[in-house]
Structure formats: structure tokens, C-alpha cells
């Protein structure tokens, strides 16, 4: 009743959502299923996707869902689709997927039907995977429903299973000295729920990477780092840019178009794939260019904001 009075869903809906999460969670695969995932240079990976939902400023219902596909390792956008949506399901911490995933799923299905040759081989999701209250965040939910490898990329620590953003956690962050440094997120249950990753030399704020579906945590961390020109991996960053520009155009808002990063600032993201290039193998690019800033989207720790640096 308290939830209903506060504008949240009734208890019956929450119970239904919990049962659905438990049912789908049984289908999560937390290991590598593709040969390219086990390759140091991700040989065989050609397309990476990113999804995002951006809100109209001051409106918790009107939003824009976006899917982009980039080449790999060049990280050039080859497909993007955005659409305005109405998020009628209320936001409840731990149940973000029931609010956003239906629209993201539609975008993936549309691409699969119309341009199957551009289907991503993996999706990077702005949110958590198994790092979640019940071990089944938005990246898991979308991964299971699309049957695509998925990676959860969060900008804030979801404090579950004893994980806390306390002095010890902050000290571990301080010890992340260079791009690619990371430490495990070990819950009280004894389970490693994800990794805190320093994704850029110019940012001391880590990303929180977790398994979504059909990918190991080790491969998820490596891939995320390889996709970062700025703090945020390019598939997620470009999906956010696409959605915000679509909102601007759809609502006729003033201001210049949202600019993507200049091509000159886009180095190759991962190690060379030929055996003659051994120097720096496995290391992400060194890009010291600042990225664009955008305002954070509403939500709690499960949502991840728009903080590129």
C-alpha cells in the first residue's frame, strides 16, 4: 500500500516482476560462448552495439531509446536508431529492466529483421548485469531476451551484498593508477559480482563492469577497456549522443546539434590483430582528449548517469 500511495506499482506487480526475474535468471550464461571472446585481440569481433535511454529534461515519462552499432576495432558508427517512448512503468530500484528493456528489445528486433548483416555481436548496456539486488540487472534481462552477449557498464557502485562505497573502497580506487587497472567486487556471499575498472588515464573514477549474458567477466572487462576513447565505452557514449540529439530534433529544442568526437581523436581501440605487432598487445589506446559532458539522467544507483569523464 505504501508503494501505491507513493505512486509505485502495487505489491502484486512487484511480486510478478520478481518471479519473472527469477525465471529469466535461470537462462543467464556467465561464460564465454564465442571464440572471439577468448582471443587477446578479439579477432573475429567486427560489430559492437550500445544501448541507452535518455530522458526529456524535467519529465520522468517521455524518453528516447537508442541503439547504435559500431565497427570493431575502429569504433565507427555504422547504424543508429532512436525513437521517442513513454515510460509508463514506474521506476523502482532493482526493476529498471521492466521500465526500459521492452523498448530496447524492439530496437534490436527491428535491426535483426531489417538489417541482419549489421547485428552487433555483443551489446554494451548502460546499467548493471549480475551486479544487482537479485543478480539479474538490465544487462542480463536484455541479454537473455535478445540472446546476445551483453556487458553491464555502470558509473556508480550499486551497494548490494555488502558492497559499500566506503573508505576501503575509495582507497582501492585510489590505487588504480593507469588505464586498465581493476579490482574485483567481492560480495559478502563470497561471489565476485563485477570489477571496478579504470577506463581512462584522464579519469580517476572507475566504471563498474558486470556480466550480462554469454560472456565471462574477464572478457567483459577487456572489451570495455578496448572500447573506451574517453571514460565511457564508445558504444554506450554514442547511443547517448544519438538519443539526446533525437530528443532535441523531436521536440524542436534550440541549440546546436550534439557533436560526436572529431575523427582525429579516434585511435585504434585494441591491439593489432596480426602477429607482427606485439608491442602493447592487450592494451587499450592512450587518448587524452576530454569528452563531451551531459547531464545525469534521473534514477538511483542502478541507473548510471551521463558522466563521460
C-alpha atoms as a PDB file:
ATOM      1  CA  UNK A   1       0.000   0.000   0.000  1.00  0.00           C
ATOM      2  CA  UNK A   2       2.842   2.366   0.773  1.00  0.00           C
ATOM      3  CA  UNK A   3       4.176   1.806  -2.721  1.00  0.00           C
ATOM      4  CA  UNK A   4       0.799   2.539  -4.258  1.00  0.00           C
ATOM      5  CA  UNK A   5       0.418   5.695  -2.193  1.00  0.00           C
ATOM      6  CA  UNK A   6       3.830   6.877  -3.335  1.00  0.00           C
ATOM      7  CA  UNK A   7       2.964   6.296  -6.993  1.00  0.00           C
ATOM      8  CA  UNK A   8       4.790   2.977  -7.243  1.00  0.00           C
ATOM      9  CA  UNK A   9       3.370  -0.297  -8.546  1.00  0.00           C
ATOM     10  CA  UNK A  10       1.151  -2.475  -6.343  1.00  0.00           C
ATOM     11  CA  UNK A  11       2.678  -5.352  -4.402  1.00  0.00           C
ATOM     12  CA  UNK A  12       1.165  -7.809  -6.873  1.00  0.00           C
ATOM     13  CA  UNK A  13       3.164  -6.216  -9.692  1.00  0.00           C
ATOM     14  CA  UNK A  14       6.401  -6.332  -7.722  1.00  0.00           C
ATOM     15  CA  UNK A  15       5.818  -9.996  -6.928  1.00  0.00           C
ATOM     16  CA  UNK A  16       5.202 -10.688 -10.612  1.00  0.00           C
ATOM     17  CA  UNK A  17       8.382  -8.840 -11.564  1.00  0.00           C
ATOM     18  CA  UNK A  18      10.408 -10.801  -9.018  1.00  0.00           C
ATOM     19  CA  UNK A  19       9.098 -14.095 -10.359  1.00  0.00           C
ATOM     20  CA  UNK A  20       9.885 -13.039 -13.919  1.00  0.00           C
ATOM     21  CA  UNK A  21      13.425 -12.048 -12.943  1.00  0.00           C
ATOM     22  CA  UNK A  22      13.931 -15.411 -11.242  1.00  0.00           C
ATOM     23  CA  UNK A  23      12.606 -17.257 -14.293  1.00  0.00           C
ATOM     24  CA  UNK A  24      14.834 -15.404 -16.744  1.00  0.00           C
ATOM     25  CA  UNK A  25      17.854 -15.516 -14.434  1.00  0.00           C
ATOM     26  CA  UNK A  26      17.953 -19.286 -14.849  1.00  0.00           C
ATOM     27  CA  UNK A  27      18.913 -18.706 -18.501  1.00  0.00           C
ATOM     28  CA  UNK A  28      21.897 -16.406 -17.837  1.00  0.00           C
ATOM     29  CA  UNK A  29      25.199 -17.764 -19.152  1.00  0.00           C
ATOM     30  CA  UNK A  30      28.198 -16.238 -17.357  1.00  0.00           C
ATOM     31  CA  UNK A  31      30.945 -17.731 -19.506  1.00  0.00           C
ATOM     32  CA  UNK A  32      32.402 -17.019 -22.945  1.00  0.00           C
ATOM     33  CA  UNK A  33      30.366 -18.594 -25.721  1.00  0.00           C
ATOM     34  CA  UNK A  34      32.167 -17.149 -28.768  1.00  0.00           C
ATOM     35  CA  UNK A  35      35.705 -17.805 -29.999  1.00  0.00           C
ATOM     36  CA  UNK A  36      36.454 -14.076 -30.361  1.00  0.00           C
ATOM     37  CA  UNK A  37      35.856 -13.563 -26.638  1.00  0.00           C
ATOM     38  CA  UNK A  38      38.850 -15.752 -25.810  1.00  0.00           C
ATOM     39  CA  UNK A  39      41.191 -14.104 -28.325  1.00  0.00           C
ATOM     40  CA  UNK A  40      43.603 -11.480 -26.856  1.00  0.00           C
ATOM     41  CA  UNK A  41      42.815  -9.104 -29.743  1.00  0.00           C
ATOM     42  CA  UNK A  42      39.156 -10.149 -30.081  1.00  0.00           C
ATOM     43  CA  UNK A  43      39.828 -11.492 -33.578  1.00  0.00           C
ATOM     44  CA  UNK A  44      36.507 -12.236 -35.239  1.00  0.00           C
ATOM     45  CA  UNK A  45      34.676  -9.421 -33.487  1.00  0.00           C
ATOM     46  CA  UNK A  46      33.508  -6.913 -36.097  1.00  0.00           C
ATOM     47  CA  UNK A  47      30.455  -5.153 -34.637  1.00  0.00           C
ATOM     48  CA  UNK A  48      29.747  -3.899 -31.123  1.00  0.00           C
ATOM     49  CA  UNK A  49      26.440  -2.401 -30.067  1.00  0.00           C
ATOM     50  CA  UNK A  50      25.405   0.052 -27.404  1.00  0.00           C
ATOM     51  CA  UNK A  51      22.001   0.913 -25.957  1.00  0.00           C
ATOM     52  CA  UNK A  52      20.803   3.800 -23.859  1.00  0.00           C
ATOM     53  CA  UNK A  53      17.653   5.551 -22.692  1.00  0.00           C
ATOM     54  CA  UNK A  54      17.742   9.341 -22.233  1.00  0.00           C
ATOM     55  CA  UNK A  55      15.001  11.364 -20.589  1.00  0.00           C
ATOM     56  CA  UNK A  56      13.430  14.631 -21.638  1.00  0.00           C
ATOM     57  CA  UNK A  57      14.613  17.206 -19.114  1.00  0.00           C
ATOM     58  CA  UNK A  58      12.126  17.580 -16.285  1.00  0.00           C
ATOM     59  CA  UNK A  59       9.989  14.666 -17.498  1.00  0.00           C
ATOM     60  CA  UNK A  60      10.181  11.172 -15.996  1.00  0.00           C
ATOM     61  CA  UNK A  61       7.878   9.656 -18.634  1.00  0.00           C
ATOM     62  CA  UNK A  62       8.993  10.948 -22.036  1.00  0.00           C
ATOM     63  CA  UNK A  63      12.296   9.475 -23.111  1.00  0.00           C
ATOM     64  CA  UNK A  64      14.296   8.326 -26.103  1.00  0.00           C
ATOM     65  CA  UNK A  65      15.576   4.771 -26.554  1.00  0.00           C
ATOM     66  CA  UNK A  66      18.622   4.352 -28.763  1.00  0.00           C
ATOM     67  CA  UNK A  67      20.628   1.533 -30.334  1.00  0.00           C
ATOM     68  CA  UNK A  68      23.913   2.083 -32.146  1.00  0.00           C
ATOM     69  CA  UNK A  69      26.277  -0.349 -33.837  1.00  0.00           C
ATOM     70  CA  UNK A  70      29.967   0.401 -34.293  1.00  0.00           C
ATOM     71  CA  UNK A  71      32.694  -1.343 -36.220  1.00  0.00           C
ATOM     72  CA  UNK A  72      35.412  -3.012 -34.183  1.00  0.00           C
ATOM     73  CA  UNK A  73      38.187  -2.171 -33.585  1.00  0.00           C
ATOM     74  CA  UNK A  74      37.735   1.124 -35.490  1.00  0.00           C
ATOM     75  CA  UNK A  75      34.706   2.150 -33.391  1.00  0.00           C
ATOM     76  CA  UNK A  76      32.950   3.948 -36.238  1.00  0.00           C
ATOM     77  CA  UNK A  77      29.146   4.192 -36.148  1.00  0.00           C
ATOM     78  CA  UNK A  78      27.536   2.154 -38.954  1.00  0.00           C
ATOM     79  CA  UNK A  79      23.969   2.001 -37.640  1.00  0.00           C
ATOM     80  CA  UNK A  80      21.845   4.043 -35.284  1.00  0.00           C
ATOM     81  CA  UNK A  81      18.164   4.086 -34.485  1.00  0.00           C
ATOM     82  CA  UNK A  82      16.398   6.203 -31.885  1.00  0.00           C
ATOM     83  CA  UNK A  83      12.729   6.572 -31.042  1.00  0.00           C
ATOM     84  CA  UNK A  84      10.687   8.571 -28.576  1.00  0.00           C
ATOM     85  CA  UNK A  85       8.962   6.401 -25.975  1.00  0.00           C
ATOM     86  CA  UNK A  86       6.693   6.812 -22.960  1.00  0.00           C
ATOM     87  CA  UNK A  87       7.965   5.004 -19.893  1.00  0.00           C
ATOM     88  CA  UNK A  88       4.675   4.245 -18.202  1.00  0.00           C
ATOM     89  CA  UNK A  89       6.077   1.683 -15.761  1.00  0.00           C
ATOM     90  CA  UNK A  90       7.245   3.475 -12.607  1.00  0.00           C
ATOM     91  CA  UNK A  91      10.895   3.495 -11.624  1.00  0.00           C
ATOM     92  CA  UNK A  92      11.585   1.074  -8.776  1.00  0.00           C
ATOM     93  CA  UNK A  93      15.142   0.342  -7.689  1.00  0.00           C
ATOM     94  CA  UNK A  94      16.089  -3.149  -8.809  1.00  0.00           C
ATOM     95  CA  UNK A  95      13.425  -3.305 -11.528  1.00  0.00           C
ATOM     96  CA  UNK A  96      14.804  -0.897 -14.134  1.00  0.00           C
ATOM     97  CA  UNK A  97      14.515  -3.524 -16.869  1.00  0.00           C
ATOM     98  CA  UNK A  98      10.717  -3.572 -16.726  1.00  0.00           C
ATOM     99  CA  UNK A  99      10.740   0.144 -17.454  1.00  0.00           C
ATOM    100  CA  UNK A 100      13.297   0.273 -20.266  1.00  0.00           C
ATOM    101  CA  UNK A 101      14.068  -3.146 -21.772  1.00  0.00           C
ATOM    102  CA  UNK A 102      10.829  -3.514 -23.810  1.00  0.00           C
ATOM    103  CA  UNK A 103      11.813  -0.502 -25.921  1.00  0.00           C
ATOM    104  CA  UNK A 104      15.441  -1.590 -26.294  1.00  0.00           C
ATOM    105  CA  UNK A 105      14.283  -5.070 -27.273  1.00  0.00           C
ATOM    106  CA  UNK A 106      12.101  -3.594 -30.018  1.00  0.00           C
ATOM    107  CA  UNK A 107      15.096  -1.724 -31.437  1.00  0.00           C
ATOM    108  CA  UNK A 108      17.207  -4.892 -31.513  1.00  0.00           C
ATOM    109  CA  UNK A 109      14.408  -6.901 -33.124  1.00  0.00           C
ATOM    110  CA  UNK A 110      13.888  -4.196 -35.746  1.00  0.00           C
ATOM    111  CA  UNK A 111      17.569  -4.301 -36.663  1.00  0.00           C
ATOM    112  CA  UNK A 112      17.546  -8.091 -36.785  1.00  0.00           C
ATOM    113  CA  UNK A 113      14.635  -8.034 -39.246  1.00  0.00           C
ATOM    114  CA  UNK A 114      15.668  -5.124 -41.466  1.00  0.00           C
ATOM    115  CA  UNK A 115      19.491  -5.172 -41.446  1.00  0.00           C
ATOM    116  CA  UNK A 116      20.622  -8.584 -40.184  1.00  0.00           C
ATOM    117  CA  UNK A 117      24.110  -8.002 -41.572  1.00  0.00           C
ATOM    118  CA  UNK A 118      24.577  -5.149 -39.101  1.00  0.00           C
ATOM    119  CA  UNK A 119      23.519  -7.065 -35.998  1.00  0.00           C
ATOM    120  CA  UNK A 120      26.015  -6.489 -33.177  1.00  0.00           C
ATOM    121  CA  UNK A 121      27.921  -9.471 -31.853  1.00  0.00           C
ATOM    122  CA  UNK A 122      27.823  -8.006 -28.358  1.00  0.00           C
ATOM    123  CA  UNK A 123      25.866  -5.273 -26.575  1.00  0.00           C
ATOM    124  CA  UNK A 124      27.244  -2.850 -24.003  1.00  0.00           C
ATOM    125  CA  UNK A 125      24.441  -1.730 -21.721  1.00  0.00           C
ATOM    126  CA  UNK A 126      24.235   1.430 -19.615  1.00  0.00           C
ATOM    127  CA  UNK A 127      23.425  -0.377 -16.374  1.00  0.00           C
ATOM    128  CA  UNK A 128      24.261  -3.453 -14.316  1.00  0.00           C
ATOM    129  CA  UNK A 129      24.270  -7.156 -15.062  1.00  0.00           C
ATOM    130  CA  UNK A 130      24.691  -9.703 -12.263  1.00  0.00           C
ATOM    131  CA  UNK A 131      25.774  -6.832 -10.001  1.00  0.00           C
ATOM    132  CA  UNK A 132      22.199  -6.424  -8.836  1.00  0.00           C
ATOM    133  CA  UNK A 133      19.880  -6.931  -5.857  1.00  0.00           C
ATOM    134  CA  UNK A 134      18.752 -10.319  -7.183  1.00  0.00           C
ATOM    135  CA  UNK A 135      21.644 -10.971  -9.559  1.00  0.00           C
ATOM    136  CA  UNK A 136      19.646 -10.015 -12.651  1.00  0.00           C
ATOM    137  CA  UNK A 137      20.048  -6.421 -13.781  1.00  0.00           C
ATOM    138  CA  UNK A 138      19.096  -4.727 -17.026  1.00  0.00           C
ATOM    139  CA  UNK A 139      22.121  -6.106 -18.940  1.00  0.00           C
ATOM    140  CA  UNK A 140      21.140  -9.671 -18.001  1.00  0.00           C
ATOM    141  CA  UNK A 141      17.494  -9.039 -18.841  1.00  0.00           C
ATOM    142  CA  UNK A 142      18.267  -7.643 -22.290  1.00  0.00           C
ATOM    143  CA  UNK A 143      20.890 -10.307 -22.941  1.00  0.00           C
ATOM    144  CA  UNK A 144      18.584 -13.219 -22.206  1.00  0.00           C
ATOM    145  CA  UNK A 145      15.700 -11.783 -24.255  1.00  0.00           C
ATOM    146  CA  UNK A 146      17.900 -10.977 -27.278  1.00  0.00           C
ATOM    147  CA  UNK A 147      20.208 -13.993 -26.813  1.00  0.00           C
ATOM    148  CA  UNK A 148      23.158 -11.672 -27.434  1.00  0.00           C
ATOM    149  CA  UNK A 149      26.338 -11.421 -25.370  1.00  0.00           C
ATOM    150  CA  UNK A 150      25.830  -8.439 -23.056  1.00  0.00           C
ATOM    151  CA  UNK A 151      28.025  -6.420 -20.708  1.00  0.00           C
ATOM    152  CA  UNK A 152      26.779  -4.211 -17.889  1.00  0.00           C
ATOM    153  CA  UNK A 153      28.601  -0.879 -17.629  1.00  0.00           C
ATOM    154  CA  UNK A 154      27.679   1.257 -14.609  1.00  0.00           C
ATOM    155  CA  UNK A 155      29.192   4.531 -13.454  1.00  0.00           C
ATOM    156  CA  UNK A 156      28.163   4.199  -9.818  1.00  0.00           C
ATOM    157  CA  UNK A 157      28.546   1.321  -7.403  1.00  0.00           C
ATOM    158  CA  UNK A 158      25.308  -0.478  -6.673  1.00  0.00           C
ATOM    159  CA  UNK A 159      25.670  -1.267  -2.977  1.00  0.00           C
ATOM    160  CA  UNK A 160      24.380  -4.819  -2.694  1.00  0.00           C
ATOM    161  CA  UNK A 161      25.631  -7.998  -0.992  1.00  0.00           C
ATOM    162  CA  UNK A 162      27.740  -5.984   1.436  1.00  0.00           C
ATOM    163  CA  UNK A 163      29.431  -3.822  -1.207  1.00  0.00           C
ATOM    164  CA  UNK A 164      29.856  -0.293   0.114  1.00  0.00           C
ATOM    165  CA  UNK A 165      31.290   2.921  -1.240  1.00  0.00           C
ATOM    166  CA  UNK A 166      33.251   3.334   1.982  1.00  0.00           C
ATOM    167  CA  UNK A 167      36.794   4.393   2.857  1.00  0.00           C
ATOM    168  CA  UNK A 168      38.236   0.987   1.929  1.00  0.00           C
ATOM    169  CA  UNK A 169      36.520   1.042  -1.449  1.00  0.00           C
ATOM    170  CA  UNK A 170      37.780   4.565  -2.120  1.00  0.00           C
ATOM    171  CA  UNK A 171      41.315   3.523  -1.201  1.00  0.00           C
ATOM    172  CA  UNK A 172      41.133   0.681  -3.716  1.00  0.00           C
ATOM    173  CA  UNK A 173      40.019   3.200  -6.329  1.00  0.00           C
ATOM    174  CA  UNK A 174      42.970   5.427  -5.461  1.00  0.00           C
ATOM    175  CA  UNK A 175      45.324   2.530  -6.178  1.00  0.00           C
ATOM    176  CA  UNK A 176      44.019   2.236  -9.758  1.00  0.00           C
ATOM    177  CA  UNK A 177      46.917   4.122 -11.290  1.00  0.00           C
ATOM    178  CA  UNK A 178      46.638   3.546 -15.027  1.00  0.00           C
ATOM    179  CA  UNK A 179      44.081   2.711 -17.671  1.00  0.00           C
ATOM    180  CA  UNK A 180      43.126  -0.946 -17.489  1.00  0.00           C
ATOM    181  CA  UNK A 181      43.767  -1.327 -13.746  1.00  0.00           C
ATOM    182  CA  UNK A 182      40.915  -3.030 -11.919  1.00  0.00           C
ATOM    183  CA  UNK A 183      39.873  -4.799  -8.736  1.00  0.00           C
ATOM    184  CA  UNK A 184      37.147  -7.370  -8.030  1.00  0.00           C
ATOM    185  CA  UNK A 185      33.862  -6.524  -6.349  1.00  0.00           C
ATOM    186  CA  UNK A 186      33.593  -9.340  -3.812  1.00  0.00           C
ATOM    187  CA  UNK A 187      30.253  -9.558  -2.031  1.00  0.00           C
ATOM    188  CA  UNK A 188      29.594 -10.903   1.448  1.00  0.00           C
ATOM    189  CA  UNK A 189      28.254 -14.031  -0.233  1.00  0.00           C
ATOM    190  CA  UNK A 190      31.770 -14.775  -1.487  1.00  0.00           C
ATOM    191  CA  UNK A 191      30.735 -14.096  -5.077  1.00  0.00           C
ATOM    192  CA  UNK A 192      32.646 -11.740  -7.361  1.00  0.00           C
ATOM    193  CA  UNK A 193      29.819  -9.608  -8.724  1.00  0.00           C
ATOM    194  CA  UNK A 194      31.897  -7.462 -11.058  1.00  0.00           C
ATOM    195  CA  UNK A 195      35.051  -5.425 -11.457  1.00  0.00           C
ATOM    196  CA  UNK A 196      35.883  -1.786 -10.804  1.00  0.00           C
ATOM    197  CA  UNK A 197      37.803  -0.627 -13.879  1.00  0.00           C
ATOM    198  CA  UNK A 198      39.844   2.489 -14.527  1.00  0.00           C
ATOM    199  CA  UNK A 199      38.941   3.005 -18.172  1.00  0.00           C
ATOM    200  CA  UNK A 200      40.907   6.163 -18.988  1.00  0.00           C
ATOM    201  CA  UNK A 201      44.145   7.755 -17.836  1.00  0.00           C
ATOM    202  CA  UNK A 202      42.476  11.145 -17.513  1.00  0.00           C
ATOM    203  CA  UNK A 203      39.713   9.948 -15.190  1.00  0.00           C
ATOM    204  CA  UNK A 204      40.165   8.535 -11.694  1.00  0.00           C
ATOM    205  CA  UNK A 205      36.513   7.491 -11.477  1.00  0.00           C
ATOM    206  CA  UNK A 206      36.077   3.806 -12.238  1.00  0.00           C
ATOM    207  CA  UNK A 207      33.407   2.003 -14.185  1.00  0.00           C
ATOM    208  CA  UNK A 208      31.665  -0.972 -12.635  1.00  0.00           C
ATOM    209  CA  UNK A 209      31.644  -3.848 -15.102  1.00  0.00           C
ATOM    210  CA  UNK A 210      29.476  -6.923 -14.656  1.00  0.00           C
ATOM    211  CA  UNK A 211      28.430  -9.913 -16.701  1.00  0.00           C
ATOM    212  CA  UNK A 212      25.169  -9.545 -18.557  1.00  0.00           C
ATOM    213  CA  UNK A 213      24.915 -12.720 -20.629  1.00  0.00           C
ATOM    214  CA  UNK A 214      27.101 -15.093 -22.663  1.00  0.00           C
ATOM    215  CA  UNK A 215      30.405 -13.510 -21.665  1.00  0.00           C
ATOM    216  CA  UNK A 216      32.922 -14.004 -18.880  1.00  0.00           C
ATOM    217  CA  UNK A 217      33.781 -11.164 -16.533  1.00  0.00           C
ATOM    218  CA  UNK A 218      37.398 -11.191 -17.705  1.00  0.00           C
ATOM    219  CA  UNK A 219      36.399 -10.768 -21.355  1.00  0.00           C
ATOM    220  CA  UNK A 220      33.788  -8.148 -20.436  1.00  0.00           C
ATOM    221  CA  UNK A 221      36.410  -6.015 -18.688  1.00  0.00           C
ATOM    222  CA  UNK A 222      38.897  -6.342 -21.553  1.00  0.00           C
ATOM    223  CA  UNK A 223      36.299  -5.456 -24.165  1.00  0.00           C
ATOM    224  CA  UNK A 224      35.026  -2.455 -22.222  1.00  0.00           C
ATOM    225  CA  UNK A 225      38.536  -1.076 -21.913  1.00  0.00           C
ATOM    226  CA  UNK A 226      39.187  -1.641 -25.610  1.00  0.00           C
ATOM    227  CA  UNK A 227      36.056   0.359 -26.458  1.00  0.00           C
ATOM    228  CA  UNK A 228      36.983   3.428 -24.392  1.00  0.00           C
ATOM    229  CA  UNK A 229      38.255   6.552 -26.127  1.00  0.00           C
ATOM    230  CA  UNK A 230      37.009   8.513 -23.168  1.00  0.00           C
ATOM    231  CA  UNK A 231      35.891   7.289 -19.762  1.00  0.00           C
ATOM    232  CA  UNK A 232      32.682   5.755 -21.139  1.00  0.00           C
ATOM    233  CA  UNK A 233      32.896   2.958 -23.734  1.00  0.00           C
ATOM    234  CA  UNK A 234      32.134   4.274 -27.183  1.00  0.00           C
ATOM    235  CA  UNK A 235      29.042   2.141 -27.895  1.00  0.00           C
ATOM    236  CA  UNK A 236      27.264   3.483 -24.799  1.00  0.00           C
ATOM    237  CA  UNK A 237      28.571   7.016 -25.355  1.00  0.00           C
ATOM    238  CA  UNK A 238      27.399   7.102 -28.953  1.00  0.00           C
ATOM    239  CA  UNK A 239      23.986   5.688 -28.013  1.00  0.00           C
ATOM    240  CA  UNK A 240      23.590   8.521 -25.519  1.00  0.00           C
ATOM    241  CA  UNK A 241      24.634  11.114 -28.099  1.00  0.00           C
ATOM    242  CA  UNK A 242      22.163   9.660 -30.605  1.00  0.00           C
ATOM    243  CA  UNK A 243      19.273   9.657 -28.131  1.00  0.00           C
ATOM    244  CA  UNK A 244      19.896  13.200 -26.937  1.00  0.00           C
ATOM    245  CA  UNK A 245      20.138  14.526 -30.472  1.00  0.00           C
ATOM    246  CA  UNK A 246      16.893  12.734 -31.341  1.00  0.00           C
ATOM    247  CA  UNK A 247      15.188  14.395 -28.369  1.00  0.00           C
ATOM    248  CA  UNK A 248      16.500  17.796 -29.468  1.00  0.00           C
ATOM    249  CA  UNK A 249      15.167  17.346 -33.002  1.00  0.00           C
ATOM    250  CA  UNK A 250      11.859  15.746 -31.998  1.00  0.00           C
ATOM    251  CA  UNK A 251      10.975  18.494 -29.543  1.00  0.00           C
ATOM    252  CA  UNK A 252      12.381  21.311 -31.664  1.00  0.00           C
ATOM    253  CA  UNK A 253      14.698  22.378 -28.875  1.00  0.00           C
ATOM    254  CA  UNK A 254      17.156  25.205 -29.553  1.00  0.00           C
ATOM    255  CA  UNK A 255      20.874  24.673 -29.632  1.00  0.00           C
ATOM    256  CA  UNK A 256      23.496  23.193 -31.941  1.00  0.00           C
ATOM    257  CA  UNK A 257      23.481  19.505 -32.867  1.00  0.00           C
ATOM    258  CA  UNK A 258      25.140  17.160 -30.404  1.00  0.00           C
ATOM    259  CA  UNK A 259      28.632  16.674 -31.766  1.00  0.00           C
ATOM    260  CA  UNK A 260      30.435  13.376 -31.912  1.00  0.00           C
ATOM    261  CA  UNK A 261      34.143  13.291 -31.214  1.00  0.00           C
ATOM    262  CA  UNK A 262      36.393  14.515 -34.048  1.00  0.00           C
ATOM    263  CA  UNK A 263      37.663  11.611 -36.090  1.00  0.00           C
ATOM    264  CA  UNK A 264      41.244  12.709 -35.434  1.00  0.00           C
ATOM    265  CA  UNK A 265      40.730  11.832 -31.767  1.00  0.00           C
ATOM    266  CA  UNK A 266      39.796   8.242 -32.549  1.00  0.00           C
ATOM    267  CA  UNK A 267      42.771   5.895 -32.237  1.00  0.00           C
ATOM    268  CA  UNK A 268      42.522   2.192 -32.926  1.00  0.00           C
ATOM    269  CA  UNK A 269      40.976   0.765 -29.787  1.00  0.00           C
ATOM    270  CA  UNK A 270      42.636  -2.630 -29.354  1.00  0.00           C
ATOM    271  CA  UNK A 271      45.884  -4.439 -30.084  1.00  0.00           C
ATOM    272  CA  UNK A 272      46.837  -5.167 -33.671  1.00  0.00           C
ATOM    273  CA  UNK A 273      45.449  -8.443 -34.897  1.00  0.00           C
ATOM    274  CA  UNK A 274      48.468  -9.507 -36.928  1.00  0.00           C
ATOM    275  CA  UNK A 275      51.252 -11.401 -35.187  1.00  0.00           C
ATOM    276  CA  UNK A 276      53.868  -8.869 -36.276  1.00  0.00           C
ATOM    277  CA  UNK A 277      52.512  -6.248 -33.897  1.00  0.00           C
ATOM    278  CA  UNK A 278      53.381  -7.438 -30.400  1.00  0.00           C
ATOM    279  CA  UNK A 279      54.158  -4.095 -28.782  1.00  0.00           C
ATOM    280  CA  UNK A 280      51.364  -3.036 -26.446  1.00  0.00           C
ATOM    281  CA  UNK A 281      49.329  -6.164 -27.086  1.00  0.00           C
ATOM    282  CA  UNK A 282      46.253  -6.266 -24.929  1.00  0.00           C
ATOM    283  CA  UNK A 283      46.474  -2.591 -24.002  1.00  0.00           C
ATOM    284  CA  UNK A 284      43.757  -0.039 -24.780  1.00  0.00           C
ATOM    285  CA  UNK A 285      44.553   3.230 -26.599  1.00  0.00           C
ATOM    286  CA  UNK A 286      46.029   6.276 -24.935  1.00  0.00           C
ATOM    287  CA  UNK A 287      43.624   9.114 -25.639  1.00  0.00           C
ATOM    288  CA  UNK A 288      43.951  12.242 -23.526  1.00  0.00           C
ATOM    289  CA  UNK A 289      41.196  14.233 -25.203  1.00  0.00           C
ATOM    290  CA  UNK A 290      38.308  15.341 -22.972  1.00  0.00           C
ATOM    291  CA  UNK A 291      34.887  14.051 -23.969  1.00  0.00           C
ATOM    292  CA  UNK A 292      31.601  15.944 -24.009  1.00  0.00           C
ATOM    293  CA  UNK A 293      29.686  16.332 -20.772  1.00  0.00           C
ATOM    294  CA  UNK A 294      25.997  15.654 -20.444  1.00  0.00           C
ATOM    295  CA  UNK A 295      23.596  15.962 -17.558  1.00  0.00           C
ATOM    296  CA  UNK A 296      22.877  12.847 -15.463  1.00  0.00           C
ATOM    297  CA  UNK A 297      19.606  11.043 -16.046  1.00  0.00           C
ATOM    298  CA  UNK A 298      17.190  10.528 -13.164  1.00  0.00           C
ATOM    299  CA  UNK A 299      17.306   7.373 -11.105  1.00  0.00           C
ATOM    300  CA  UNK A 300      19.142   5.689  -8.275  1.00  0.00           C
ATOM    301  CA  UNK A 301      22.389   3.717  -8.159  1.00  0.00           C
ATOM    302  CA  UNK A 302      21.085   1.144 -10.601  1.00  0.00           C
ATOM    303  CA  UNK A 303      20.932   3.914 -13.175  1.00  0.00           C
ATOM    304  CA  UNK A 304      24.297   5.193 -14.214  1.00  0.00           C
ATOM    305  CA  UNK A 305      24.036   8.837 -15.260  1.00  0.00           C
ATOM    306  CA  UNK A 306      25.798  10.558 -18.152  1.00  0.00           C
ATOM    307  CA  UNK A 307      29.255  11.350 -16.861  1.00  0.00           C
ATOM    308  CA  UNK A 308      31.835  10.888 -19.586  1.00  0.00           C
ATOM    309  CA  UNK A 309      34.852  11.954 -17.569  1.00  0.00           C
END
